[in-house]
């Protein structure tokens, strides 16, 4: 999920900041940089009502590897 989409889904910079307990400048910096700091992934996912891996795919649990046939 792109940072701009996350912020928009949270209602914009001011609304997102309020929901996450941050200042608006921090959220606007996410948009400008195009990335979300890892430490905020759980709170963002919670605010969106989605699992963390939907916000940041790197948080997906490792998948078991299939054995070669």
PDB file of N, CA and C in Angstrom:
ATOM      1  N   UNK A   1       0.853  -1.171   0.000  1.00  0.00           N
ATOM      2  CA  UNK A   1       0.000   0.000   0.000  1.00  0.00           C
ATOM      3  C   UNK A   1       0.902   1.239   0.000  1.00  0.00           C
ATOM      4  N   UNK A   2       0.600   2.180  -0.872  1.00  0.00           N
ATOM      5  CA  UNK A   2       1.402   3.402  -0.972  1.00  0.00           C
ATOM      6  C   UNK A   2       1.081   4.337   0.191  1.00  0.00           C
ATOM      7  N   UNK A   3       2.092   5.105   0.584  1.00  0.00           N
ATOM      8  CA  UNK A   3       1.927   6.020   1.721  1.00  0.00           C
ATOM      9  C   UNK A   3       0.821   7.031   1.455  1.00  0.00           C
ATOM     10  N   UNK A   4       0.764   7.569   0.257  1.00  0.00           N
ATOM     11  CA  UNK A   4      -0.288   8.546  -0.058  1.00  0.00           C
ATOM     12  C   UNK A   4      -1.668   7.918   0.105  1.00  0.00           C
ATOM     13  N   UNK A   5      -1.805   6.653  -0.308  1.00  0.00           N
ATOM     14  CA  UNK A   5      -3.089   5.955  -0.161  1.00  0.00           C
ATOM     15  C   UNK A   5      -3.439   5.750   1.312  1.00  0.00           C
ATOM     16  N   UNK A   6      -2.433   5.418   2.111  1.00  0.00           N
ATOM     17  CA  UNK A   6      -2.644   5.224   3.548  1.00  0.00           C
ATOM     18  C   UNK A   6      -3.156   6.511   4.180  1.00  0.00           C
ATOM     19  N   UNK A   7      -2.471   7.607   3.891  1.00  0.00           N
ATOM     20  CA  UNK A   7      -2.853   8.894   4.466  1.00  0.00           C
ATOM     21  C   UNK A   7      -4.252   9.294   4.013  1.00  0.00           C
ATOM     22  N   UNK A   8      -4.535   9.092   2.744  1.00  0.00           N
ATOM     23  CA  UNK A   8      -5.874   9.416   2.229  1.00  0.00           C
ATOM     24  C   UNK A   8      -6.948   8.564   2.901  1.00  0.00           C
ATOM     25  N   UNK A   9      -6.683   7.276   3.079  1.00  0.00           N
ATOM     26  CA  UNK A   9      -7.664   6.398   3.722  1.00  0.00           C
ATOM     27  C   UNK A   9      -7.894   6.768   5.181  1.00  0.00           C
ATOM     28  N   UNK A  10      -6.888   7.393   5.794  1.00  0.00           N
ATOM     29  CA  UNK A  10      -7.033   7.837   7.185  1.00  0.00           C
ATOM     30  C   UNK A  10      -7.671   9.220   7.269  1.00  0.00           C
ATOM     31  N   UNK A  11      -8.014   9.809   6.121  1.00  0.00           N
ATOM     32  CA  UNK A  11      -8.728  11.082   6.119  1.00  0.00           C
ATOM     33  C   UNK A  11      -7.880  12.299   5.849  1.00  0.00           C
ATOM     34  N   UNK A  12      -6.647  12.107   5.402  1.00  0.00           N
ATOM     35  CA  UNK A  12      -5.749  13.225   5.123  1.00  0.00           C
ATOM     36  C   UNK A  12      -4.722  13.399   6.227  1.00  0.00           C
ATOM     37  N   UNK A  13      -3.809  14.327   6.028  1.00  0.00           N
ATOM     38  CA  UNK A  13      -2.700  14.520   6.955  1.00  0.00           C
ATOM     39  C   UNK A  13      -3.109  14.855   8.374  1.00  0.00           C
ATOM     40  N   UNK A  14      -4.037  15.785   8.526  1.00  0.00           N
ATOM     41  CA  UNK A  14      -4.464  16.206   9.861  1.00  0.00           C
ATOM     42  C   UNK A  14      -5.216  15.079  10.569  1.00  0.00           C
ATOM     43  N   UNK A  15      -6.145  14.447   9.870  1.00  0.00           N
ATOM     44  CA  UNK A  15      -6.916  13.345  10.461  1.00  0.00           C
ATOM     45  C   UNK A  15      -6.011  12.164  10.803  1.00  0.00           C
ATOM     46  N   UNK A  16      -5.102  11.823   9.896  1.00  0.00           N
ATOM     47  CA  UNK A  16      -4.190  10.701  10.139  1.00  0.00           C
ATOM     48  C   UNK A  16      -3.339  10.978  11.369  1.00  0.00           C
ATOM     49  N   UNK A  17      -2.821  12.179  11.457  1.00  0.00           N
ATOM     50  CA  UNK A  17      -1.992  12.549  12.609  1.00  0.00           C
ATOM     51  C   UNK A  17      -2.783  12.426  13.907  1.00  0.00           C
ATOM     52  N   UNK A  18      -4.009  12.903  13.915  1.00  0.00           N
ATOM     53  CA  UNK A  18      -4.853  12.812  15.102  1.00  0.00           C
ATOM     54  C   UNK A  18      -5.138  11.375  15.501  1.00  0.00           C
ATOM     55  N   UNK A  19      -5.444  10.530  14.516  1.00  0.00           N
ATOM     56  CA  UNK A  19      -5.749   9.128  14.803  1.00  0.00           C
ATOM     57  C   UNK A  19      -4.538   8.371  15.327  1.00  0.00           C
ATOM     58  N   UNK A  20      -3.339   8.823  14.918  1.00  0.00           N
ATOM     59  CA  UNK A  20      -2.112   8.121  15.297  1.00  0.00           C
ATOM     60  C   UNK A  20      -1.376   8.777  16.459  1.00  0.00           C
ATOM     61  N   UNK A  21      -1.881   9.906  16.941  1.00  0.00           N
ATOM     62  CA  UNK A  21      -1.233  10.602  18.047  1.00  0.00           C
ATOM     63  C   UNK A  21       0.076  11.254  17.645  1.00  0.00           C
ATOM     64  N   UNK A  22       0.150  11.710  16.402  1.00  0.00           N
ATOM     65  CA  UNK A  22       1.352  12.353  15.879  1.00  0.00           C
ATOM     66  C   UNK A  22       1.025  13.771  15.453  1.00  0.00           C
ATOM     67  N   UNK A  23       2.064  14.543  15.149  1.00  0.00           N
ATOM     68  CA  UNK A  23       1.780  15.872  14.618  1.00  0.00           C
ATOM     69  C   UNK A  23       1.658  15.794  13.099  1.00  0.00           C
ATOM     70  N   UNK A  24       0.970  16.727  12.534  1.00  0.00           N
ATOM     71  CA  UNK A  24       0.691  16.741  11.097  1.00  0.00           C
ATOM     72  C   UNK A  24       1.963  16.753  10.270  1.00  0.00           C
ATOM     73  N   UNK A  25       2.982  17.449  10.747  1.00  0.00           N
ATOM     74  CA  UNK A  25       4.243  17.542  10.019  1.00  0.00           C
ATOM     75  C   UNK A  25       4.866  16.166   9.813  1.00  0.00           C
ATOM     76  N   UNK A  26       4.812  15.323  10.823  1.00  0.00           N
ATOM     77  CA  UNK A  26       5.378  13.973  10.701  1.00  0.00           C
ATOM     78  C   UNK A  26       4.679  13.203   9.596  1.00  0.00           C
ATOM     79  N   UNK A  27       3.369  13.262   9.575  1.00  0.00           N
ATOM     80  CA  UNK A  27       2.599  12.528   8.560  1.00  0.00           C
ATOM     81  C   UNK A  27       2.868  13.107   7.175  1.00  0.00           C
ATOM     82  N   UNK A  28       2.962  14.410   7.055  1.00  0.00           N
ATOM     83  CA  UNK A  28       3.239  15.020   5.760  1.00  0.00           C
ATOM     84  C   UNK A  28       4.642  14.654   5.268  1.00  0.00           C
ATOM     85  N   UNK A  29       5.576  14.449   6.184  1.00  0.00           N
ATOM     86  CA  UNK A  29       6.918  13.998   5.805  1.00  0.00           C
ATOM     87  C   UNK A  29       6.871  12.584   5.235  1.00  0.00           C
ATOM     88  N   UNK A  30       5.994  11.742   5.771  1.00  0.00           N
ATOM     89  CA  UNK A  30       5.833  10.397   5.207  1.00  0.00           C
ATOM     90  C   UNK A  30       5.439  10.508   3.741  1.00  0.00           C
ATOM     91  N   UNK A  31       4.468  11.383   3.481  1.00  0.00           N
ATOM     92  CA  UNK A  31       3.988  11.541   2.101  1.00  0.00           C
ATOM     93  C   UNK A  31       5.116  12.063   1.211  1.00  0.00           C
ATOM     94  N   UNK A  32       5.846  13.063   1.679  1.00  0.00           N
ATOM     95  CA  UNK A  32       6.928  13.647   0.885  1.00  0.00           C
ATOM     96  C   UNK A  32       8.032  12.633   0.599  1.00  0.00           C
ATOM     97  N   UNK A  33       8.344  11.798   1.573  1.00  0.00           N
ATOM     98  CA  UNK A  33       9.405  10.798   1.413  1.00  0.00           C
ATOM     99  C   UNK A  33       8.913   9.538   0.703  1.00  0.00           C
ATOM    100  N   UNK A  34       7.603   9.347   0.720  1.00  0.00           N
ATOM    101  CA  UNK A  34       7.041   8.173   0.083  1.00  0.00           C
ATOM    102  C   UNK A  34       7.262   6.894   0.867  1.00  0.00           C
ATOM    103  N   UNK A  35       7.486   7.047   2.161  1.00  0.00           N
ATOM    104  CA  UNK A  35       7.658   5.842   2.988  1.00  0.00           C
ATOM    105  C   UNK A  35       7.167   6.092   4.408  1.00  0.00           C
ATOM    106  N   UNK A  36       6.777   4.997   5.016  1.00  0.00           N
ATOM    107  CA  UNK A  36       6.243   5.000   6.365  1.00  0.00           C
ATOM    108  C   UNK A  36       7.297   4.412   7.294  1.00  0.00           C
ATOM    109  N   UNK A  37       7.664   5.099   8.375  1.00  0.00           N
ATOM    110  CA  UNK A  37       8.629   4.511   9.312  1.00  0.00           C
ATOM    111  C   UNK A  37       8.096   3.198   9.893  1.00  0.00           C
ATOM    112  N   UNK A  38       8.945   2.206   9.945  1.00  0.00           N
ATOM    113  CA  UNK A  38       8.554   0.865  10.404  1.00  0.00           C
ATOM    114  C   UNK A  38       7.897   0.895  11.773  1.00  0.00           C
ATOM    115  N   UNK A  39       8.350   1.762  12.646  1.00  0.00           N
ATOM    116  CA  UNK A  39       7.803   1.777  14.010  1.00  0.00           C
ATOM    117  C   UNK A  39       6.327   2.179  14.053  1.00  0.00           C
ATOM    118  N   UNK A  40       5.831   2.793  12.976  1.00  0.00           N
ATOM    119  CA  UNK A  40       4.437   3.229  12.941  1.00  0.00           C
ATOM    120  C   UNK A  40       3.509   2.234  12.237  1.00  0.00           C
ATOM    121  N   UNK A  41       4.076   1.180  11.664  1.00  0.00           N
ATOM    122  CA  UNK A  41       3.267   0.213  10.919  1.00  0.00           C
ATOM    123  C   UNK A  41       2.145  -0.382  11.771  1.00  0.00           C
ATOM    124  N   UNK A  42       2.419  -0.874  12.988  1.00  0.00           N
ATOM    125  CA  UNK A  42       1.316  -1.454  13.770  1.00  0.00           C
ATOM    126  C   UNK A  42       0.175  -0.465  14.039  1.00  0.00           C
ATOM    127  N   UNK A  43       0.507   0.767  14.380  1.00  0.00           N
ATOM    128  CA  UNK A  43      -0.535   1.763  14.668  1.00  0.00           C
ATOM    129  C   UNK A  43      -1.329   2.110  13.413  1.00  0.00           C
ATOM    130  N   UNK A  44      -0.640   2.230  12.294  1.00  0.00           N
ATOM    131  CA  UNK A  44      -1.317   2.545  11.032  1.00  0.00           C
ATOM    132  C   UNK A  44      -2.244   1.398  10.650  1.00  0.00           C
ATOM    133  N   UNK A  45      -1.741   0.175  10.739  1.00  0.00           N
ATOM    134  CA  UNK A  45      -2.568  -0.989  10.410  1.00  0.00           C
ATOM    135  C   UNK A  45      -3.799  -1.043  11.302  1.00  0.00           C
ATOM    136  N   UNK A  46      -3.606  -0.790  12.577  1.00  0.00           N
ATOM    137  CA  UNK A  46      -4.727  -0.788  13.520  1.00  0.00           C
ATOM    138  C   UNK A  46      -5.753   0.296  13.155  1.00  0.00           C
ATOM    139  N   UNK A  47      -5.266   1.491  12.829  1.00  0.00           N
ATOM    140  CA  UNK A  47      -6.168   2.592  12.475  1.00  0.00           C
ATOM    141  C   UNK A  47      -6.946   2.287  11.197  1.00  0.00           C
ATOM    142  N   UNK A  48      -6.323   1.540  10.278  1.00  0.00           N
ATOM    143  CA  UNK A  48      -6.989   1.178   9.033  1.00  0.00           C
ATOM    144  C   UNK A  48      -7.856  -0.066   9.176  1.00  0.00           C
ATOM    145  N   UNK A  49      -7.628  -0.816  10.251  1.00  0.00           N
ATOM    146  CA  UNK A  49      -8.368  -2.053  10.451  1.00  0.00           C
ATOM    147  C   UNK A  49      -7.906  -3.174   9.539  1.00  0.00           C
ATOM    148  N   UNK A  50      -6.611  -3.168   9.221  1.00  0.00           N
ATOM    149  CA  UNK A  50      -6.034  -4.196   8.350  1.00  0.00           C
ATOM    150  C   UNK A  50      -4.824  -4.814   9.040  1.00  0.00           C
ATOM    151  N   UNK A  51      -4.384  -5.993   8.596  1.00  0.00           N
ATOM    152  CA  UNK A  51      -3.183  -6.576   9.174  1.00  0.00           C
ATOM    153  C   UNK A  51      -1.939  -5.771   8.772  1.00  0.00           C
ATOM    154  N   UNK A  52      -0.900  -5.842   9.592  1.00  0.00           N
ATOM    155  CA  UNK A  52       0.333  -5.093   9.322  1.00  0.00           C
ATOM    156  C   UNK A  52       0.901  -5.377   7.944  1.00  0.00           C
ATOM    157  N   UNK A  53       0.813  -6.633   7.496  1.00  0.00           N
ATOM    158  CA  UNK A  53       1.389  -6.955   6.190  1.00  0.00           C
ATOM    159  C   UNK A  53       0.660  -6.276   5.039  1.00  0.00           C
ATOM    160  N   UNK A  54      -0.553  -5.801   5.252  1.00  0.00           N
ATOM    161  CA  UNK A  54      -1.253  -5.043   4.208  1.00  0.00           C
ATOM    162  C   UNK A  54      -0.640  -3.653   4.057  1.00  0.00           C
ATOM    163  N   UNK A  55      -0.108  -3.132   5.156  1.00  0.00           N
ATOM    164  CA  UNK A  55       0.515  -1.812   5.145  1.00  0.00           C
ATOM    165  C   UNK A  55       1.967  -1.917   4.692  1.00  0.00           C
ATOM    166  N   UNK A  56       2.651  -2.932   5.183  1.00  0.00           N
ATOM    167  CA  UNK A  56       4.068  -3.105   4.905  1.00  0.00           C
ATOM    168  C   UNK A  56       4.304  -4.592   4.673  1.00  0.00           C
ATOM    169  N   UNK A  57       4.359  -5.029   3.412  1.00  0.00           N
ATOM    170  CA  UNK A  57       4.475  -6.465   3.119  1.00  0.00           C
ATOM    171  C   UNK A  57       5.661  -7.157   3.779  1.00  0.00           C
ATOM    172  N   UNK A  58       6.699  -6.444   4.131  1.00  0.00           N
ATOM    173  CA  UNK A  58       7.862  -7.074   4.775  1.00  0.00           C
ATOM    174  C   UNK A  58       7.515  -7.640   6.145  1.00  0.00           C
ATOM    175  N   UNK A  59       6.359  -7.288   6.708  1.00  0.00           N
ATOM    176  CA  UNK A  59       5.986  -7.810   8.023  1.00  0.00           C
ATOM    177  C   UNK A  59       5.238  -9.135   7.920  1.00  0.00           C
ATOM    178  N   UNK A  60       5.090  -9.654   6.704  1.00  0.00           N
ATOM    179  CA  UNK A  60       4.439 -10.962   6.534  1.00  0.00           C
ATOM    180  C   UNK A  60       5.264 -12.034   7.219  1.00  0.00           C
ATOM    181  N   UNK A  61       4.603 -12.955   7.898  1.00  0.00           N
ATOM    182  CA  UNK A  61       5.342 -14.070   8.481  1.00  0.00           C
ATOM    183  C   UNK A  61       5.978 -14.892   7.363  1.00  0.00           C
ATOM    184  N   UNK A  62       7.140 -15.469   7.620  1.00  0.00           N
ATOM    185  CA  UNK A  62       7.772 -16.283   6.580  1.00  0.00           C
ATOM    186  C   UNK A  62       6.894 -17.461   6.176  1.00  0.00           C
ATOM    187  N   UNK A  63       6.859 -17.726   4.905  1.00  0.00           N
ATOM    188  CA  UNK A  63       6.065 -18.838   4.381  1.00  0.00           C
ATOM    189  C   UNK A  63       6.925 -20.092   4.384  1.00  0.00           C
ATOM    190  N   UNK A  64       6.347 -21.223   4.748  1.00  0.00           N
ATOM    191  CA  UNK A  64       7.117 -22.455   4.691  1.00  0.00           C
ATOM    192  C   UNK A  64       7.526 -22.765   3.259  1.00  0.00           C
ATOM    193  N   UNK A  65       8.744 -23.200   3.111  1.00  0.00           N
ATOM    194  CA  UNK A  65       9.239 -23.513   1.764  1.00  0.00           C
ATOM    195  C   UNK A  65       8.792 -24.903   1.377  1.00  0.00           C
ATOM    196  N   UNK A  66       8.420 -25.017   0.129  1.00  0.00           N
ATOM    197  CA  UNK A  66       8.006 -26.321  -0.372  1.00  0.00           C
ATOM    198  C   UNK A  66       9.238 -27.097  -0.796  1.00  0.00           C
ATOM    199  N   UNK A  67       9.183 -28.387  -0.534  1.00  0.00           N
ATOM    200  CA  UNK A  67      10.292 -29.231  -0.927  1.00  0.00           C
ATOM    201  C   UNK A  67      10.216 -29.503  -2.415  1.00  0.00           C
ATOM    202  N   UNK A  68      11.395 -29.585  -3.026  1.00  0.00           N
ATOM    203  CA  UNK A  68      11.453 -29.884  -4.456  1.00  0.00           C
ATOM    204  C   UNK A  68      10.976 -31.307  -4.709  1.00  0.00           C
ATOM    205  N   UNK A  69      10.250 -31.487  -5.789  1.00  0.00           N
ATOM    206  CA  UNK A  69       9.702 -32.814  -6.110  1.00  0.00           C
ATOM    207  C   UNK A  69      10.704 -33.700  -6.801  1.00  0.00           C
TER     208      UNK A  69
END
